[in-house]
Amino acid sequence: MNSRPPFPSSPPSQPSPYRYLGRGGSERPVRLQIIIALVAGLIVVAVPLYLWRRPKPESIPSADAATVDAGALALDAGVPADADAGQPERVTLSPFTTIRCQNPGPGTTPPDRCDHITFFEDALARAIRDSVPCAPTGKSSITVSFVLDMDFRRKRTNLYAGKSTTVKRTRTRELIRCVKRAMPKPDWAAIPHQYVKYKINVMATYPPSDGDSF
C-alpha cells in the first residue's frame, strides 16, 4: 500500500503559477524610461540650436523709411526732393463740358446724352498744362476758355478761344498755337465714339503774375 498522500497535478495545458516569479518583471518600465530620457535630451539640445541658426526675417520697411528712400533717389537723380513743394498751381482746369454732339441728318442730341471722348479730353488737358509758358500774364488771374471741335468723318480738329475768355483773343493766339503743337496726332479709327461731330469746352485759369502783361 502506498503511503504518499495524493497531490493534484496541474493540467499540461495550464502553466504553473510559480514559473515566472523572480524573473525581470520591471525590465520594460526601465527601458521605457531610458527612451523617454534620450528623446527629452535631444529636444533640449535641438530646440536652442534651431533657434540660434534659423534665418532672421527681414524687417518690413515703414512708411517713413519709404519716404526717406524716395528722397534719396530724388537727390541721386539731381532733383531736390521738395522741388515742387509749396509751389502754386500754374494753371487750374475746370471739368470738361460737351457743348454739342451730332450725326448727319435731322434732329439734335441733348448735350447731357453725349458720350465723352476721353482721348481728346486727356490730350487737351495735358497740352494746356505743358503750354503754361505761352499763356498771357497779368496782375490778376486770367481765364481762357478752350473750345475744341472734332470731326470724325473729315478727321480734323479745330481749337480756339471761346467767349468766356477774360482777355482779348489777340493775347491768346500764342497760347492756342502752343497748345495745338502739344496735342498728339489722333488715331481716328481707334478712338471710340458714338457721333460724327463733337464740340467740347474746358476753362483754364492762370494765377496772377508780377510780370508785365503782353
N, C-alpha and C. Protein backbone atom coordinates (compact mmCIF):
# COMPACT_ATOMS: atom_id res chain seq x y z
N MET A 1 0.85 -1.18 0.00
CA MET A 1 0.00 0.00 0.00
C MET A 1 0.89 1.23 0.00
N ASN A 2 0.57 2.20 -0.84
CA ASN A 2 1.39 3.42 -0.99
C ASN A 2 0.98 4.40 0.07
N SER A 3 1.99 4.91 0.90
CA SER A 3 1.69 5.81 2.00
C SER A 3 1.75 7.28 1.61
N ARG A 4 2.20 7.66 0.38
CA ARG A 4 2.31 9.08 -0.01
C ARG A 4 0.93 9.66 -0.27
N PRO A 5 0.70 10.87 0.31
CA PRO A 5 -0.63 11.48 0.07
C PRO A 5 -0.75 11.90 -1.39
N PRO A 6 -1.88 11.81 -1.90
CA PRO A 6 -2.04 12.18 -3.34
C PRO A 6 -2.05 13.70 -3.50
N PHE A 7 -1.35 14.20 -4.46
CA PHE A 7 -1.35 15.66 -4.81
C PHE A 7 -1.99 15.82 -6.18
N PRO A 8 -2.85 16.82 -6.23
CA PRO A 8 -3.45 17.05 -7.58
C PRO A 8 -2.41 17.62 -8.52
N SER A 9 -2.35 17.12 -9.67
CA SER A 9 -1.38 17.60 -10.69
C SER A 9 -2.04 18.62 -11.61
N SER A 10 -1.27 19.61 -12.05
CA SER A 10 -1.80 20.65 -12.97
C SER A 10 -1.89 20.07 -14.36
N PRO A 11 -2.92 20.49 -15.04
CA PRO A 11 -3.03 20.02 -16.43
C PRO A 11 -1.87 20.52 -17.26
N PRO A 12 -1.44 19.72 -18.21
CA PRO A 12 -0.28 20.16 -19.03
C PRO A 12 -0.54 21.46 -19.75
N SER A 13 -1.82 21.78 -20.06
CA SER A 13 -2.10 22.99 -20.83
C SER A 13 -2.04 24.24 -19.99
N GLN A 14 -2.02 24.22 -18.68
CA GLN A 14 -2.00 25.39 -17.83
C GLN A 14 -0.62 25.52 -17.22
N PRO A 15 0.04 26.63 -17.43
CA PRO A 15 1.39 26.81 -16.85
C PRO A 15 1.31 26.96 -15.36
N SER A 16 2.38 26.63 -14.73
CA SER A 16 2.44 26.71 -13.28
C SER A 16 2.43 28.16 -12.85
N PRO A 17 1.66 28.46 -11.79
CA PRO A 17 1.61 29.88 -11.36
C PRO A 17 2.92 30.35 -10.78
N TYR A 18 3.87 29.52 -10.51
CA TYR A 18 5.14 29.95 -9.92
C TYR A 18 6.26 29.99 -10.95
N ARG A 19 5.93 29.79 -12.23
CA ARG A 19 7.01 29.62 -13.21
C ARG A 19 7.76 30.93 -13.44
N TYR A 20 7.02 32.17 -13.48
CA TYR A 20 7.69 33.43 -13.85
C TYR A 20 8.00 34.30 -12.66
N LEU A 21 7.87 33.77 -11.46
CA LEU A 21 8.22 34.57 -10.29
C LEU A 21 9.73 34.70 -10.22
N GLY A 22 10.16 35.86 -9.85
CA GLY A 22 11.60 36.07 -9.69
C GLY A 22 12.30 36.50 -10.95
N ARG A 23 11.64 36.56 -12.10
CA ARG A 23 12.30 37.00 -13.35
C ARG A 23 12.14 38.51 -13.49
N GLY A 24 12.79 39.09 -14.48
CA GLY A 24 12.82 40.57 -14.60
C GLY A 24 11.50 41.15 -14.99
N GLY A 25 10.56 41.28 -14.09
CA GLY A 25 9.26 41.86 -14.42
C GLY A 25 9.33 43.37 -14.64
N SER A 26 10.37 44.06 -14.07
CA SER A 26 10.47 45.52 -14.23
C SER A 26 11.40 45.92 -15.38
N GLU A 27 11.76 45.01 -16.26
CA GLU A 27 12.67 45.31 -17.36
C GLU A 27 12.07 46.30 -18.35
N ARG A 28 10.76 46.12 -18.70
CA ARG A 28 10.12 47.00 -19.68
C ARG A 28 9.99 48.42 -19.16
N PRO A 29 9.53 48.69 -17.92
CA PRO A 29 9.47 50.09 -17.45
C PRO A 29 10.83 50.76 -17.44
N VAL A 30 11.89 50.10 -17.12
CA VAL A 30 13.22 50.72 -17.11
C VAL A 30 13.64 51.11 -18.51
N ARG A 31 13.40 50.24 -19.49
CA ARG A 31 13.76 50.54 -20.88
C ARG A 31 12.95 51.74 -21.38
N LEU A 32 11.68 51.84 -21.05
CA LEU A 32 10.84 52.96 -21.48
C LEU A 32 11.34 54.27 -20.90
N GLN A 33 11.79 54.24 -19.63
CA GLN A 33 12.30 55.46 -19.02
C GLN A 33 13.58 55.94 -19.71
N ILE A 34 14.40 54.99 -20.16
CA ILE A 34 15.64 55.37 -20.86
C ILE A 34 15.31 56.05 -22.19
N ILE A 35 14.33 55.48 -22.92
CA ILE A 35 13.95 56.07 -24.22
C ILE A 35 13.40 57.47 -24.04
N ILE A 36 12.55 57.66 -23.03
CA ILE A 36 11.98 58.99 -22.78
C ILE A 36 13.08 59.98 -22.43
N ALA A 37 14.06 59.54 -21.64
CA ALA A 37 15.16 60.44 -21.27
C ALA A 37 15.99 60.84 -22.49
N LEU A 38 16.24 59.88 -23.42
CA LEU A 38 17.00 60.21 -24.64
C LEU A 38 16.25 61.21 -25.50
N VAL A 39 14.93 61.01 -25.69
CA VAL A 39 14.13 61.93 -26.52
C VAL A 39 14.13 63.33 -25.91
N ALA A 40 13.96 63.39 -24.57
CA ALA A 40 13.96 64.69 -23.91
C ALA A 40 15.31 65.39 -24.07
N GLY A 41 16.40 64.61 -24.01
CA GLY A 41 17.72 65.20 -24.19
C GLY A 41 17.91 65.76 -25.59
N LEU A 42 17.41 65.02 -26.62
CA LEU A 42 17.52 65.51 -27.99
C LEU A 42 16.73 66.81 -28.17
N ILE A 43 15.54 66.89 -27.57
CA ILE A 43 14.73 68.11 -27.68
C ILE A 43 15.43 69.29 -27.03
N VAL A 44 15.99 69.07 -25.86
CA VAL A 44 16.67 70.15 -25.15
C VAL A 44 17.85 70.69 -25.97
N VAL A 45 18.55 69.80 -26.71
CA VAL A 45 19.70 70.24 -27.50
C VAL A 45 19.27 70.82 -28.84
N ALA A 46 18.25 70.21 -29.49
CA ALA A 46 17.89 70.60 -30.85
C ALA A 46 17.17 71.94 -30.90
N VAL A 47 16.26 72.21 -29.94
CA VAL A 47 15.47 73.45 -29.99
C VAL A 47 16.35 74.69 -29.88
N PRO A 48 17.23 74.81 -28.90
CA PRO A 48 18.10 76.01 -28.87
C PRO A 48 18.99 76.14 -30.10
N LEU A 49 19.46 74.97 -30.64
CA LEU A 49 20.30 75.03 -31.83
C LEU A 49 19.53 75.57 -33.02
N TYR A 50 18.26 75.16 -33.17
CA TYR A 50 17.42 75.67 -34.28
C TYR A 50 17.15 77.16 -34.13
N LEU A 51 16.81 77.57 -32.91
CA LEU A 51 16.51 78.98 -32.68
C LEU A 51 17.73 79.86 -32.93
N TRP A 52 18.93 79.32 -32.68
CA TRP A 52 20.15 80.09 -32.87
C TRP A 52 20.53 80.21 -34.34
N ARG A 53 20.28 79.15 -35.12
CA ARG A 53 20.72 79.12 -36.51
C ARG A 53 19.65 79.46 -37.52
N ARG A 54 18.39 79.62 -37.11
CA ARG A 54 17.33 79.91 -38.10
C ARG A 54 17.53 81.30 -38.71
N PRO A 55 17.17 81.50 -39.99
CA PRO A 55 17.36 82.82 -40.62
C PRO A 55 16.43 83.85 -40.00
N LYS A 56 16.95 85.04 -39.78
CA LYS A 56 16.15 86.11 -39.20
C LYS A 56 15.30 86.76 -40.29
N PRO A 57 13.99 86.98 -40.04
CA PRO A 57 13.14 87.63 -41.06
C PRO A 57 13.55 89.07 -41.26
N GLU A 58 13.52 89.49 -42.56
CA GLU A 58 13.86 90.86 -42.87
C GLU A 58 12.76 91.79 -42.39
N SER A 59 13.15 92.89 -41.85
CA SER A 59 12.17 93.85 -41.34
C SER A 59 11.45 94.52 -42.48
N ILE A 60 10.15 94.74 -42.34
CA ILE A 60 9.34 95.40 -43.36
C ILE A 60 9.56 96.90 -43.26
N PRO A 61 9.93 97.54 -44.36
CA PRO A 61 10.20 98.98 -44.28
C PRO A 61 8.94 99.75 -43.94
N SER A 62 9.06 100.71 -43.09
CA SER A 62 7.91 101.53 -42.70
C SER A 62 7.69 102.63 -43.73
N ALA A 63 6.57 103.35 -43.55
CA ALA A 63 6.26 104.44 -44.47
C ALA A 63 7.31 105.53 -44.40
N ASP A 64 7.86 105.78 -43.19
CA ASP A 64 8.90 106.79 -43.06
C ASP A 64 10.15 106.39 -43.82
N ALA A 65 10.49 105.09 -43.75
CA ALA A 65 11.67 104.62 -44.47
C ALA A 65 11.48 104.76 -45.97
N ALA A 66 10.26 104.45 -46.44
CA ALA A 66 9.97 104.59 -47.87
C ALA A 66 10.10 106.04 -48.30
N THR A 67 9.67 106.98 -47.45
CA THR A 67 9.79 108.39 -47.78
C THR A 67 11.24 108.82 -47.86
N VAL A 68 12.05 108.31 -46.91
CA VAL A 68 13.47 108.64 -46.93
C VAL A 68 14.13 108.10 -48.18
N ASP A 69 13.79 106.85 -48.56
CA ASP A 69 14.37 106.26 -49.77
C ASP A 69 13.99 107.06 -51.00
N ALA A 70 12.72 107.49 -51.07
CA ALA A 70 12.28 108.27 -52.23
C ALA A 70 13.05 109.58 -52.31
N GLY A 71 13.28 110.22 -51.15
CA GLY A 71 14.05 111.46 -51.16
C GLY A 71 15.49 111.22 -51.59
N ALA A 72 16.06 110.09 -51.16
CA ALA A 72 17.43 109.79 -51.56
C ALA A 72 17.54 109.56 -53.05
N LEU A 73 16.55 108.88 -53.64
CA LEU A 73 16.56 108.65 -55.08
C LEU A 73 16.46 109.97 -55.83
N ALA A 74 15.62 110.87 -55.32
CA ALA A 74 15.48 112.17 -55.99
C ALA A 74 16.79 112.95 -55.94
N LEU A 75 17.49 112.90 -54.81
CA LEU A 75 18.76 113.60 -54.71
C LEU A 75 19.81 112.97 -55.61
N ASP A 76 19.81 111.62 -55.70
CA ASP A 76 20.76 110.95 -56.58
C ASP A 76 20.54 111.34 -58.03
N ALA A 77 19.27 111.57 -58.38
CA ALA A 77 18.95 111.93 -59.76
C ALA A 77 19.23 113.40 -60.04
N GLY A 78 19.65 114.15 -59.04
CA GLY A 78 19.96 115.55 -59.26
C GLY A 78 18.76 116.46 -59.11
N VAL A 79 17.63 115.95 -58.59
CA VAL A 79 16.42 116.74 -58.42
C VAL A 79 16.13 116.87 -56.94
N PRO A 80 15.98 118.06 -56.39
CA PRO A 80 15.65 118.19 -54.96
C PRO A 80 14.35 117.48 -54.65
N ALA A 81 14.30 116.82 -53.47
CA ALA A 81 13.12 116.05 -53.10
C ALA A 81 11.90 116.93 -52.95
N ASP A 82 12.09 118.22 -52.57
CA ASP A 82 10.95 119.11 -52.37
C ASP A 82 10.92 120.19 -53.44
N ALA A 83 11.24 119.81 -54.68
CA ALA A 83 11.32 120.80 -55.74
C ALA A 83 9.98 121.47 -55.99
N ASP A 84 8.87 120.69 -55.93
CA ASP A 84 7.54 121.25 -56.19
C ASP A 84 6.80 121.61 -54.92
N ALA A 85 7.42 121.40 -53.76
CA ALA A 85 6.73 121.66 -52.50
C ALA A 85 6.52 123.15 -52.33
N GLY A 86 5.31 123.55 -52.02
CA GLY A 86 4.98 124.94 -51.77
C GLY A 86 4.82 125.78 -53.02
N GLN A 87 4.99 125.18 -54.22
CA GLN A 87 4.83 125.93 -55.45
C GLN A 87 3.35 126.09 -55.78
N PRO A 88 2.90 127.29 -56.20
CA PRO A 88 1.49 127.48 -56.54
C PRO A 88 1.13 126.74 -57.83
N GLU A 89 -0.13 126.42 -57.95
CA GLU A 89 -0.62 125.75 -59.16
C GLU A 89 -0.48 126.70 -60.35
N ARG A 90 0.17 126.24 -61.40
CA ARG A 90 0.42 127.10 -62.56
C ARG A 90 -0.84 127.35 -63.37
N VAL A 91 -1.74 126.38 -63.40
CA VAL A 91 -3.00 126.53 -64.12
C VAL A 91 -4.02 125.59 -63.50
N THR A 92 -5.25 126.04 -63.43
CA THR A 92 -6.34 125.24 -62.88
C THR A 92 -7.37 124.99 -63.98
N LEU A 93 -7.75 123.71 -64.16
CA LEU A 93 -8.69 123.35 -65.21
C LEU A 93 -10.04 122.99 -64.61
N SER A 94 -11.10 123.42 -65.28
CA SER A 94 -12.45 123.04 -64.88
C SER A 94 -12.78 121.67 -65.46
N PRO A 95 -13.87 121.05 -65.02
CA PRO A 95 -14.30 119.81 -65.67
C PRO A 95 -14.68 120.08 -67.13
N PHE A 96 -14.48 119.07 -67.95
CA PHE A 96 -14.82 119.21 -69.37
C PHE A 96 -16.35 119.21 -69.55
N THR A 97 -16.80 120.02 -70.50
CA THR A 97 -18.21 120.12 -70.83
C THR A 97 -18.40 119.82 -72.32
N THR A 98 -19.35 118.97 -72.63
CA THR A 98 -19.68 118.70 -74.03
C THR A 98 -20.77 119.68 -74.46
N ILE A 99 -20.44 120.54 -75.41
CA ILE A 99 -21.39 121.55 -75.87
C ILE A 99 -22.36 120.95 -76.89
N ARG A 100 -21.82 120.10 -77.77
CA ARG A 100 -22.69 119.55 -78.81
C ARG A 100 -22.09 118.25 -79.34
N CYS A 101 -22.97 117.33 -79.72
CA CYS A 101 -22.59 116.13 -80.48
C CYS A 101 -23.69 115.87 -81.49
N GLN A 102 -23.32 115.44 -82.69
CA GLN A 102 -24.34 115.28 -83.72
C GLN A 102 -23.91 114.29 -84.79
N ASN A 103 -24.89 113.70 -85.43
CA ASN A 103 -24.72 112.85 -86.59
C ASN A 103 -25.40 113.51 -87.77
N PRO A 104 -25.06 113.12 -89.01
CA PRO A 104 -25.74 113.70 -90.18
C PRO A 104 -27.25 113.42 -90.13
N GLY A 105 -28.03 114.37 -90.63
CA GLY A 105 -29.47 114.20 -90.65
C GLY A 105 -30.17 115.13 -89.67
N PRO A 106 -31.49 115.11 -89.70
CA PRO A 106 -32.25 116.00 -88.81
C PRO A 106 -32.19 115.52 -87.36
N GLY A 107 -32.57 116.42 -86.48
CA GLY A 107 -32.60 116.07 -85.07
C GLY A 107 -31.33 116.46 -84.36
N THR A 108 -31.46 116.74 -83.08
CA THR A 108 -30.32 117.10 -82.23
C THR A 108 -30.30 116.22 -81.00
N THR A 109 -29.13 116.10 -80.42
CA THR A 109 -28.94 115.30 -79.21
C THR A 109 -28.66 116.23 -78.03
N PRO A 110 -29.38 116.10 -76.93
CA PRO A 110 -29.07 116.94 -75.76
C PRO A 110 -27.63 116.72 -75.31
N PRO A 111 -26.93 117.78 -74.93
CA PRO A 111 -25.51 117.63 -74.54
C PRO A 111 -25.29 116.63 -73.41
N ASP A 112 -26.27 116.51 -72.49
CA ASP A 112 -26.06 115.59 -71.37
C ASP A 112 -26.14 114.12 -71.79
N ARG A 113 -26.58 113.87 -73.03
CA ARG A 113 -26.64 112.50 -73.53
C ARG A 113 -25.46 112.17 -74.44
N CYS A 114 -24.59 113.13 -74.65
CA CYS A 114 -23.41 112.88 -75.49
C CYS A 114 -22.36 112.09 -74.72
N ASP A 115 -21.67 111.21 -75.41
CA ASP A 115 -20.58 110.46 -74.79
C ASP A 115 -19.32 111.34 -74.74
N HIS A 116 -18.43 111.02 -73.80
CA HIS A 116 -17.18 111.78 -73.65
C HIS A 116 -16.07 111.11 -74.45
N ILE A 117 -15.36 111.91 -75.22
CA ILE A 117 -14.21 111.41 -75.97
C ILE A 117 -12.98 111.64 -75.10
N THR A 118 -12.67 110.65 -74.30
CA THR A 118 -11.62 110.82 -73.29
C THR A 118 -10.24 111.03 -73.90
N PHE A 119 -10.01 110.52 -75.11
CA PHE A 119 -8.70 110.72 -75.73
C PHE A 119 -8.43 112.20 -75.90
N PHE A 120 -9.38 112.94 -76.48
CA PHE A 120 -9.18 114.36 -76.73
C PHE A 120 -9.23 115.17 -75.42
N GLU A 121 -10.05 114.77 -74.47
CA GLU A 121 -10.10 115.49 -73.20
C GLU A 121 -8.77 115.38 -72.46
N ASP A 122 -8.24 114.17 -72.38
CA ASP A 122 -6.95 113.99 -71.71
C ASP A 122 -5.82 114.68 -72.46
N ALA A 123 -5.84 114.59 -73.79
CA ALA A 123 -4.77 115.20 -74.58
C ALA A 123 -4.81 116.72 -74.47
N LEU A 124 -6.01 117.31 -74.48
CA LEU A 124 -6.11 118.76 -74.38
C LEU A 124 -5.68 119.24 -72.99
N ALA A 125 -6.09 118.54 -71.94
CA ALA A 125 -5.69 118.93 -70.59
C ALA A 125 -4.17 118.87 -70.44
N ARG A 126 -3.55 117.84 -70.96
CA ARG A 126 -2.09 117.72 -70.86
C ARG A 126 -1.40 118.81 -71.67
N ALA A 127 -1.92 119.12 -72.85
CA ALA A 127 -1.31 120.15 -73.70
C ALA A 127 -1.43 121.54 -73.05
N ILE A 128 -2.54 121.81 -72.38
CA ILE A 128 -2.71 123.10 -71.71
C ILE A 128 -1.69 123.24 -70.58
N ARG A 129 -1.51 122.19 -69.80
CA ARG A 129 -0.55 122.25 -68.69
C ARG A 129 0.88 122.39 -69.21
N ASP A 130 1.19 121.75 -70.33
CA ASP A 130 2.54 121.83 -70.88
C ASP A 130 2.82 123.17 -71.55
N SER A 131 1.78 123.94 -71.82
CA SER A 131 1.94 125.20 -72.56
C SER A 131 1.77 126.43 -71.68
N VAL A 132 1.91 126.27 -70.38
CA VAL A 132 1.75 127.40 -69.46
C VAL A 132 2.69 128.56 -69.80
N PRO A 133 3.96 128.33 -70.19
CA PRO A 133 4.83 129.47 -70.52
C PRO A 133 4.29 130.34 -71.67
N CYS A 134 3.41 129.81 -72.48
CA CYS A 134 2.86 130.59 -73.60
C CYS A 134 1.63 131.41 -73.20
N ALA A 135 1.14 131.24 -71.98
CA ALA A 135 -0.10 131.90 -71.56
C ALA A 135 0.14 133.37 -71.27
N PRO A 136 -0.86 134.22 -71.52
CA PRO A 136 -0.74 135.64 -71.16
C PRO A 136 -0.68 135.81 -69.65
N THR A 137 0.00 136.85 -69.20
CA THR A 137 0.16 137.11 -67.78
C THR A 137 -0.45 138.46 -67.43
N GLY A 138 -0.71 138.66 -66.15
CA GLY A 138 -1.26 139.92 -65.67
C GLY A 138 -1.24 139.98 -64.17
N LYS A 139 -1.61 141.13 -63.64
CA LYS A 139 -1.62 141.30 -62.19
C LYS A 139 -2.80 140.58 -61.55
N SER A 140 -3.79 140.20 -62.31
CA SER A 140 -4.92 139.41 -61.81
C SER A 140 -4.98 138.10 -62.58
N SER A 141 -5.73 137.16 -62.06
CA SER A 141 -5.84 135.86 -62.73
C SER A 141 -6.51 136.00 -64.09
N ILE A 142 -6.15 135.12 -64.98
CA ILE A 142 -6.67 135.14 -66.36
C ILE A 142 -7.33 133.81 -66.65
N THR A 143 -8.49 133.85 -67.26
CA THR A 143 -9.21 132.63 -67.63
C THR A 143 -9.32 132.55 -69.15
N VAL A 144 -8.95 131.41 -69.69
CA VAL A 144 -9.04 131.16 -71.12
C VAL A 144 -10.00 130.00 -71.33
N SER A 145 -11.01 130.21 -72.16
CA SER A 145 -11.98 129.17 -72.49
C SER A 145 -11.50 128.47 -73.76
N PHE A 146 -11.10 127.21 -73.61
CA PHE A 146 -10.65 126.42 -74.77
C PHE A 146 -11.85 125.65 -75.34
N VAL A 147 -12.08 125.84 -76.64
CA VAL A 147 -13.16 125.13 -77.34
C VAL A 147 -12.51 124.27 -78.41
N LEU A 148 -12.86 122.99 -78.43
CA LEU A 148 -12.28 122.05 -79.39
C LEU A 148 -13.40 121.40 -80.19
N ASP A 149 -13.34 121.56 -81.50
CA ASP A 149 -14.26 120.89 -82.42
C ASP A 149 -13.58 119.63 -82.96
N MET A 150 -14.35 118.54 -83.05
CA MET A 150 -13.84 117.28 -83.59
C MET A 150 -14.79 116.78 -84.68
N ASP A 151 -14.22 116.38 -85.80
CA ASP A 151 -15.00 115.84 -86.91
C ASP A 151 -14.40 114.49 -87.29
N PHE A 152 -15.07 113.41 -86.93
CA PHE A 152 -14.53 112.07 -87.20
C PHE A 152 -14.65 111.69 -88.67
N ARG A 153 -15.57 112.29 -89.40
CA ARG A 153 -15.70 111.97 -90.82
C ARG A 153 -14.56 112.60 -91.61
N ARG A 154 -14.27 113.86 -91.35
CA ARG A 154 -13.19 114.55 -92.06
C ARG A 154 -11.84 114.38 -91.37
N LYS A 155 -11.86 113.80 -90.16
CA LYS A 155 -10.63 113.54 -89.41
C LYS A 155 -9.82 114.82 -89.19
N ARG A 156 -10.46 115.78 -88.57
CA ARG A 156 -9.77 117.03 -88.28
C ARG A 156 -10.35 117.66 -87.01
N THR A 157 -9.55 118.54 -86.40
CA THR A 157 -9.95 119.26 -85.20
C THR A 157 -9.75 120.75 -85.41
N ASN A 158 -10.39 121.53 -84.55
CA ASN A 158 -10.24 122.99 -84.57
C ASN A 158 -10.27 123.48 -83.13
N LEU A 159 -9.22 124.15 -82.71
CA LEU A 159 -9.10 124.66 -81.34
C LEU A 159 -9.07 126.18 -81.37
N TYR A 160 -9.85 126.81 -80.50
CA TYR A 160 -9.88 128.28 -80.45
C TYR A 160 -10.35 128.71 -79.06
N ALA A 161 -10.20 130.01 -78.78
CA ALA A 161 -10.61 130.59 -77.50
C ALA A 161 -12.08 130.96 -77.57
N GLY A 162 -12.85 130.55 -76.55
CA GLY A 162 -14.27 130.82 -76.51
C GLY A 162 -14.61 132.19 -75.95
N LYS A 163 -15.91 132.49 -75.90
CA LYS A 163 -16.38 133.81 -75.48
C LYS A 163 -16.14 134.08 -74.00
N SER A 164 -15.98 133.05 -73.19
CA SER A 164 -15.81 133.26 -71.75
C SER A 164 -14.38 133.62 -71.37
N THR A 165 -13.49 133.78 -72.35
CA THR A 165 -12.12 134.18 -72.08
C THR A 165 -12.09 135.61 -71.53
N THR A 166 -11.31 135.83 -70.49
CA THR A 166 -11.31 137.13 -69.80
C THR A 166 -10.32 138.12 -70.39
N VAL A 167 -9.56 137.75 -71.41
CA VAL A 167 -8.65 138.68 -72.08
C VAL A 167 -8.98 138.68 -73.57
N LYS A 168 -8.44 139.65 -74.27
CA LYS A 168 -8.69 139.73 -75.70
C LYS A 168 -8.09 138.52 -76.41
N ARG A 169 -8.76 138.12 -77.48
CA ARG A 169 -8.29 136.93 -78.20
C ARG A 169 -6.91 137.15 -78.81
N THR A 170 -6.57 138.38 -79.09
CA THR A 170 -5.24 138.64 -79.63
C THR A 170 -4.14 138.22 -78.65
N ARG A 171 -4.46 138.22 -77.37
CA ARG A 171 -3.48 137.83 -76.35
C ARG A 171 -3.44 136.31 -76.15
N THR A 172 -4.36 135.60 -76.76
CA THR A 172 -4.38 134.14 -76.60
C THR A 172 -3.87 133.41 -77.84
N ARG A 173 -3.48 134.15 -78.87
CA ARG A 173 -3.06 133.49 -80.12
C ARG A 173 -1.83 132.61 -79.91
N GLU A 174 -0.85 133.13 -79.22
CA GLU A 174 0.37 132.34 -79.00
C GLU A 174 0.06 131.11 -78.14
N LEU A 175 -0.80 131.28 -77.14
CA LEU A 175 -1.18 130.15 -76.30
C LEU A 175 -1.89 129.07 -77.10
N ILE A 176 -2.81 129.46 -77.96
CA ILE A 176 -3.53 128.49 -78.79
C ILE A 176 -2.56 127.74 -79.69
N ARG A 177 -1.59 128.46 -80.29
CA ARG A 177 -0.60 127.80 -81.16
C ARG A 177 0.23 126.79 -80.36
N CYS A 178 0.62 127.16 -79.14
CA CYS A 178 1.42 126.24 -78.32
C CYS A 178 0.62 124.99 -77.96
N VAL A 179 -0.65 125.17 -77.60
CA VAL A 179 -1.47 124.02 -77.23
C VAL A 179 -1.69 123.11 -78.43
N LYS A 180 -1.91 123.68 -79.60
CA LYS A 180 -2.09 122.86 -80.80
C LYS A 180 -0.85 122.03 -81.09
N ARG A 181 0.32 122.64 -80.93
CA ARG A 181 1.56 121.89 -81.19
C ARG A 181 1.76 120.77 -80.17
N ALA A 182 1.26 120.95 -78.95
CA ALA A 182 1.43 119.94 -77.91
C ALA A 182 0.43 118.81 -78.00
N MET A 183 -0.62 118.97 -78.80
CA MET A 183 -1.63 117.92 -78.94
C MET A 183 -1.07 116.75 -79.75
N PRO A 184 -1.29 115.51 -79.32
CA PRO A 184 -0.81 114.36 -80.10
C PRO A 184 -1.66 114.13 -81.36
N LYS A 185 -1.07 113.45 -82.32
CA LYS A 185 -1.80 113.12 -83.54
C LYS A 185 -2.76 111.97 -83.25
N PRO A 186 -4.05 112.14 -83.49
CA PRO A 186 -5.01 111.09 -83.12
C PRO A 186 -5.05 109.95 -84.14
N ASP A 187 -5.30 108.76 -83.63
CA ASP A 187 -5.60 107.61 -84.48
C ASP A 187 -7.12 107.51 -84.53
N TRP A 188 -7.71 108.14 -85.52
CA TRP A 188 -9.16 108.33 -85.55
C TRP A 188 -9.92 107.00 -85.51
N ALA A 189 -9.43 106.00 -86.18
CA ALA A 189 -10.14 104.72 -86.24
C ALA A 189 -10.14 104.00 -84.89
N ALA A 190 -9.19 104.31 -84.02
CA ALA A 190 -9.07 103.60 -82.74
C ALA A 190 -9.77 104.33 -81.59
N ILE A 191 -10.35 105.50 -81.84
CA ILE A 191 -10.99 106.28 -80.78
C ILE A 191 -12.47 105.94 -80.72
N PRO A 192 -12.97 105.41 -79.60
CA PRO A 192 -14.40 105.09 -79.50
C PRO A 192 -15.24 106.37 -79.54
N HIS A 193 -16.34 106.33 -80.28
CA HIS A 193 -17.24 107.48 -80.36
C HIS A 193 -18.59 107.02 -80.89
N GLN A 194 -19.64 107.76 -80.54
CA GLN A 194 -21.00 107.44 -80.98
C GLN A 194 -21.51 108.40 -82.04
N TYR A 195 -20.88 109.57 -82.14
CA TYR A 195 -21.36 110.58 -83.08
C TYR A 195 -20.22 111.00 -84.00
N VAL A 196 -20.56 111.74 -85.04
CA VAL A 196 -19.57 112.15 -86.03
C VAL A 196 -18.88 113.44 -85.60
N LYS A 197 -19.63 114.39 -85.05
CA LYS A 197 -19.07 115.68 -84.68
C LYS A 197 -19.27 115.94 -83.19
N TYR A 198 -18.26 116.60 -82.59
CA TYR A 198 -18.32 116.97 -81.18
C TYR A 198 -17.77 118.38 -81.01
N LYS A 199 -18.26 119.04 -79.96
CA LYS A 199 -17.70 120.32 -79.53
C LYS A 199 -17.60 120.27 -78.01
N ILE A 200 -16.37 120.41 -77.50
CA ILE A 200 -16.16 120.34 -76.05
C ILE A 200 -15.49 121.62 -75.57
N ASN A 201 -15.56 121.86 -74.26
CA ASN A 201 -15.03 123.09 -73.69
C ASN A 201 -14.40 122.80 -72.32
N VAL A 202 -13.31 123.51 -72.04
CA VAL A 202 -12.67 123.47 -70.72
C VAL A 202 -12.15 124.86 -70.41
N MET A 203 -12.29 125.27 -69.14
CA MET A 203 -11.84 126.59 -68.70
C MET A 203 -10.51 126.43 -67.98
N ALA A 204 -9.53 127.22 -68.40
CA ALA A 204 -8.20 127.21 -67.78
C ALA A 204 -7.97 128.56 -67.09
N THR A 205 -7.68 128.52 -65.81
CA THR A 205 -7.44 129.74 -65.04
C THR A 205 -5.98 129.81 -64.64
N TYR A 206 -5.33 130.91 -65.03
CA TYR A 206 -3.91 131.11 -64.74
C TYR A 206 -3.78 132.10 -63.59
N PRO A 207 -2.91 131.85 -62.62
CA PRO A 207 -2.77 132.75 -61.46
C PRO A 207 -2.13 134.07 -61.87
N PRO A 208 -2.30 135.09 -61.06
CA PRO A 208 -1.69 136.38 -61.38
C PRO A 208 -0.17 136.31 -61.36
N SER A 209 0.44 137.21 -62.11
CA SER A 209 1.91 137.25 -62.20
C SER A 209 2.36 138.66 -61.94
N ASP A 210 3.57 138.79 -61.40
CA ASP A 210 4.13 140.11 -61.13
C ASP A 210 4.73 140.74 -62.38
N GLY A 211 4.88 139.92 -63.42
CA GLY A 211 5.48 140.43 -64.64
C GLY A 211 4.48 141.28 -65.43
N ASP A 212 5.02 141.96 -66.40
CA ASP A 212 4.16 142.77 -67.27
C ASP A 212 3.35 141.89 -68.18
N SER A 213 2.14 142.28 -68.48
CA SER A 213 1.30 141.55 -69.42
C SER A 213 1.74 141.83 -70.84
N PHE A 214 1.27 140.95 -71.76
CA PHE A 214 1.66 141.10 -73.17
C PHE A 214 1.06 142.35 -73.76
